[in-house]
N, C-alpha and C. Protein backbone atom coordinates (compact mmCIF):
# COMPACT_ATOMS: atom_id res chain seq x y z
N MET A 1 117.56 110.68 122.44
CA MET A 1 116.25 110.87 122.72
C MET A 1 115.85 109.82 123.45
N PRO A 2 115.47 110.49 125.18
CA PRO A 2 115.27 109.60 126.01
C PRO A 2 113.78 109.35 125.92
N ARG A 3 113.87 108.07 127.14
CA ARG A 3 112.31 107.66 127.12
C ARG A 3 111.17 108.33 128.13
N SER A 4 110.21 108.98 127.44
CA SER A 4 109.29 109.95 128.64
C SER A 4 108.66 108.45 129.47
N GLU A 5 108.42 108.72 130.53
CA GLU A 5 107.94 107.90 131.77
C GLU A 5 106.15 107.61 131.15
N SER A 6 105.72 108.55 130.85
CA SER A 6 104.67 108.28 130.17
C SER A 6 104.27 108.05 128.60
N ASP A 7 105.67 107.71 128.03
CA ASP A 7 105.52 107.07 126.78
C ASP A 7 106.38 105.78 126.78
N PRO A 8 106.34 104.52 126.75
CA PRO A 8 106.93 103.36 127.02
C PRO A 8 108.00 102.79 125.61
N ARG A 9 107.07 103.70 124.74
CA ARG A 9 107.97 103.06 123.39
C ARG A 9 109.17 103.59 123.29
N ASP A 10 110.16 102.53 122.66
CA ASP A 10 111.60 103.38 122.18
C ASP A 10 111.71 104.24 121.36
N PRO A 11 112.11 105.35 121.61
CA PRO A 11 112.18 106.39 120.33
C PRO A 11 112.74 106.55 119.13
N LEU A 12 113.76 105.15 119.25
CA LEU A 12 114.42 105.08 118.07
C LEU A 12 113.17 104.47 117.23
N THR A 13 112.40 103.56 117.36
CA THR A 13 111.43 102.81 116.86
C THR A 13 110.29 104.20 116.45
N VAL A 14 109.75 104.74 117.45
CA VAL A 14 108.83 106.00 116.77
C VAL A 14 109.67 106.93 116.10
N ALA A 15 110.91 107.36 116.08
CA ALA A 15 111.36 108.01 114.84
C ALA A 15 111.14 107.41 113.79
N PHE A 16 111.31 106.06 113.61
CA PHE A 16 111.44 105.44 112.37
C PHE A 16 110.08 105.11 111.78
N GLY A 17 109.23 104.89 112.65
CA GLY A 17 107.91 104.90 111.87
C GLY A 17 107.17 106.21 111.38
N ARG A 18 107.67 107.01 112.25
CA ARG A 18 107.34 108.56 111.68
C ARG A 18 107.99 108.69 110.40
N ARG A 19 109.15 108.53 110.13
CA ARG A 19 109.91 108.62 109.11
C ARG A 19 109.04 107.71 107.96
N LEU A 20 108.74 106.86 107.90
CA LEU A 20 108.34 105.68 107.25
C LEU A 20 106.78 106.22 106.62
N ARG A 21 106.13 106.65 107.92
CA ARG A 21 104.48 107.42 107.47
C ARG A 21 105.02 108.65 106.43
N GLY A 22 106.13 109.16 106.58
CA GLY A 22 106.04 110.88 105.74
C GLY A 22 106.61 110.32 104.44
N VAL A 23 107.44 109.21 104.41
CA VAL A 23 107.81 108.90 103.19
C VAL A 23 106.48 108.02 102.28
N ARG A 24 105.69 107.34 102.95
CA ARG A 24 105.01 106.56 102.52
C ARG A 24 103.72 107.83 101.76
N GLU A 25 103.04 108.98 102.85
CA GLU A 25 102.45 109.52 102.45
C GLU A 25 103.01 110.88 101.22
N HIS A 26 104.20 111.08 101.33
CA HIS A 26 105.18 111.95 100.13
C HIS A 26 105.21 111.40 99.08
N ARG A 27 105.04 109.21 98.75
CA ARG A 27 104.47 108.91 97.77
C ARG A 27 103.21 108.50 97.12
N GLY A 28 101.97 109.05 98.39
CA GLY A 28 100.83 109.19 98.15
C GLY A 28 100.48 107.55 98.30
N LEU A 29 101.13 106.75 98.96
CA LEU A 29 100.12 105.33 99.11
C LEU A 29 99.70 105.41 100.39
N SER A 30 98.25 104.82 100.41
CA SER A 30 97.60 104.23 101.57
C SER A 30 98.72 102.98 102.49
N ARG A 31 98.17 103.17 103.67
CA ARG A 31 98.87 101.71 104.71
C ARG A 31 98.55 100.66 104.04
N ASP A 32 97.62 100.63 103.49
CA ASP A 32 97.00 99.62 102.68
C ASP A 32 97.81 98.70 101.47
N ALA A 33 98.05 99.87 100.76
CA ALA A 33 98.87 99.67 99.66
C ALA A 33 100.27 99.22 99.84
N LEU A 34 100.71 99.92 100.62
CA LEU A 34 102.14 99.81 101.29
C LEU A 34 102.27 98.14 101.92
N ALA A 35 101.41 97.95 102.62
CA ALA A 35 100.97 96.29 103.22
C ALA A 35 101.21 95.40 102.28
N THR A 36 100.47 95.96 101.28
CA THR A 36 100.55 95.13 99.99
C THR A 36 101.27 94.82 99.05
N VAL A 37 102.20 95.94 98.93
CA VAL A 37 103.40 95.49 98.31
C VAL A 37 104.42 95.42 98.81
N SER A 38 104.75 95.60 100.05
CA SER A 38 105.97 94.99 100.88
C SER A 38 105.72 93.43 101.20
N GLY A 39 104.81 93.13 101.40
CA GLY A 39 104.39 91.72 102.06
C GLY A 39 103.88 91.77 103.22
N LEU A 40 103.80 93.01 104.05
CA LEU A 40 103.36 92.89 105.67
C LEU A 40 102.27 92.68 105.79
N SER A 41 101.77 92.31 106.81
CA SER A 41 100.25 92.51 107.39
C SER A 41 100.09 93.93 107.37
N HIS A 42 98.54 94.25 107.58
CA HIS A 42 98.26 95.49 107.44
C HIS A 42 98.09 95.95 109.38
N ARG A 43 98.47 95.02 110.01
CA ARG A 43 98.76 95.00 111.25
C ARG A 43 99.98 95.59 111.54
N ALA A 44 101.23 94.46 111.09
CA ALA A 44 102.53 94.56 111.16
C ALA A 44 103.11 95.97 111.06
N LEU A 45 102.32 96.71 109.52
CA LEU A 45 102.41 98.16 108.93
C LEU A 45 102.35 99.02 110.20
N ASP A 46 101.13 99.05 110.50
CA ASP A 46 100.40 99.80 111.88
C ASP A 46 101.57 100.28 112.94
N TYR A 47 101.23 98.98 113.14
CA TYR A 47 102.37 98.77 114.63
C TYR A 47 103.86 99.57 114.10
N ILE A 48 104.87 99.33 113.25
CA ILE A 48 105.73 99.71 112.79
C ILE A 48 105.79 101.46 113.08
N GLU A 49 104.64 101.89 111.86
CA GLU A 49 104.45 103.19 111.93
C GLU A 49 104.22 103.82 113.00
N LEU A 50 103.54 103.35 114.41
CA LEU A 50 102.92 104.25 115.30
C LEU A 50 104.08 103.88 116.19
N GLY A 51 104.95 102.84 116.17
CA GLY A 51 106.43 102.76 117.02
C GLY A 51 106.44 102.13 117.62
N HIS A 52 105.61 100.79 117.68
CA HIS A 52 104.87 100.20 118.59
C HIS A 52 105.51 98.43 118.40
N ARG A 53 106.84 98.65 117.16
CA ARG A 53 107.30 97.51 116.90
C ARG A 53 108.64 97.73 116.62
N LYS A 54 109.71 97.51 116.58
CA LYS A 54 110.67 97.60 115.81
C LYS A 54 110.65 96.49 114.59
N PRO A 55 111.05 97.55 113.59
CA PRO A 55 111.53 96.52 112.04
C PRO A 55 112.91 95.46 112.15
N THR A 56 112.37 94.44 111.48
CA THR A 56 113.91 93.70 111.24
C THR A 56 114.41 94.63 110.05
N LEU A 57 115.77 94.05 109.80
CA LEU A 57 116.36 94.76 108.80
C LEU A 57 115.92 94.34 107.26
N SER A 58 115.26 93.20 107.47
CA SER A 58 114.52 92.32 106.10
C SER A 58 113.64 93.49 106.27
N THR A 59 112.69 93.49 107.08
CA THR A 59 111.13 94.33 107.01
C THR A 59 111.98 95.41 106.33
N ILE A 60 112.42 96.73 106.58
CA ILE A 60 113.26 97.71 106.32
C ILE A 60 113.31 97.50 104.84
N VAL A 61 114.00 96.73 104.52
CA VAL A 61 114.43 96.39 102.98
C VAL A 61 113.20 96.12 102.00
N ALA A 62 112.10 95.47 102.89
CA ALA A 62 111.39 95.36 102.03
C ALA A 62 110.19 96.33 101.64
N LEU A 63 110.41 97.24 102.76
CA LEU A 63 109.60 98.73 103.07
C LEU A 63 110.09 99.68 101.97
N ALA A 64 111.70 99.54 101.97
CA ALA A 64 112.24 100.44 101.02
C ALA A 64 111.82 100.46 99.74
N ASP A 65 111.73 98.52 99.17
CA ASP A 65 111.86 98.27 97.93
C ASP A 65 110.24 98.85 97.36
N ALA A 66 109.34 98.68 98.30
CA ALA A 66 107.91 99.10 98.02
C ALA A 66 108.15 100.70 98.01
N LEU A 67 108.66 101.16 98.39
CA LEU A 67 108.40 102.59 98.73
C LEU A 67 109.49 103.06 97.35
N GLY A 68 110.32 102.63 97.03
CA GLY A 68 111.17 102.95 95.81
C GLY A 68 112.49 103.77 96.27
N VAL A 69 112.60 103.93 97.55
CA VAL A 69 113.65 104.10 98.06
C VAL A 69 114.99 103.36 98.56
N THR A 70 116.06 103.70 99.08
CA THR A 70 117.21 103.08 99.80
C THR A 70 116.69 102.59 101.41
N PRO A 71 117.16 101.39 101.74
CA PRO A 71 116.98 101.55 103.30
C PRO A 71 117.76 102.38 104.14
N GLY A 72 118.74 102.89 103.58
CA GLY A 72 119.72 104.29 104.24
C GLY A 72 118.72 105.24 104.60
N SER A 73 117.92 105.71 103.35
CA SER A 73 116.95 106.43 103.52
C SER A 73 115.76 106.81 104.29
N LEU A 74 115.56 105.81 104.41
CA LEU A 74 114.29 105.34 106.08
C LEU A 74 115.51 105.42 107.53
N VAL A 75 116.54 105.24 107.61
CA VAL A 75 116.98 104.96 108.64
C VAL A 75 118.38 106.58 108.91
N ASP A 76 118.71 106.92 107.89
CA ASP A 76 119.51 107.90 108.10
C ASP A 76 119.35 109.31 108.90
N GLY A 77 120.24 109.45 109.77
CA GLY A 77 119.73 110.62 110.52
C GLY A 77 118.81 110.18 111.84
N LEU A 78 118.65 109.06 112.00
CA LEU A 78 117.83 108.82 113.24
C LEU A 78 117.97 108.92 114.22
N LEU A 79 119.49 108.56 114.56
CA LEU A 79 120.72 108.47 115.55
C LEU A 79 121.05 109.83 115.86
N PRO A 80 121.28 110.27 117.01
CA PRO A 80 121.82 111.52 117.01
C PRO A 80 123.61 111.26 116.93
N ASP A 81 124.49 112.41 116.36
CA ASP A 81 125.53 112.27 115.87
C ASP A 81 126.33 111.79 117.49
N ASP A 82 127.08 111.14 117.62
CA ASP A 82 127.94 111.03 118.59
C ASP A 82 129.37 112.21 119.14
N GLY A 83 129.12 113.05 117.87
CA GLY A 83 130.05 114.13 118.30
C GLY A 83 131.25 114.06 117.65
């Protein structure tokens, strides 16, 4: 996923944010609810979902726990196969 000149965000970070939002919406949770359950600030969760902040491993684990999924399900398939 190459970086666009008009969008300086890291493509992997953007892809993670989209995945997170999709899982959150599928689970029927608002951003506020997920932030509260995961222990993240609302702003931090917003930035992660919008691809403006790279989550740490501990953040990914907290989000996965709050969503009732495995951390792997949030990241699996985000990187292209090396072949």
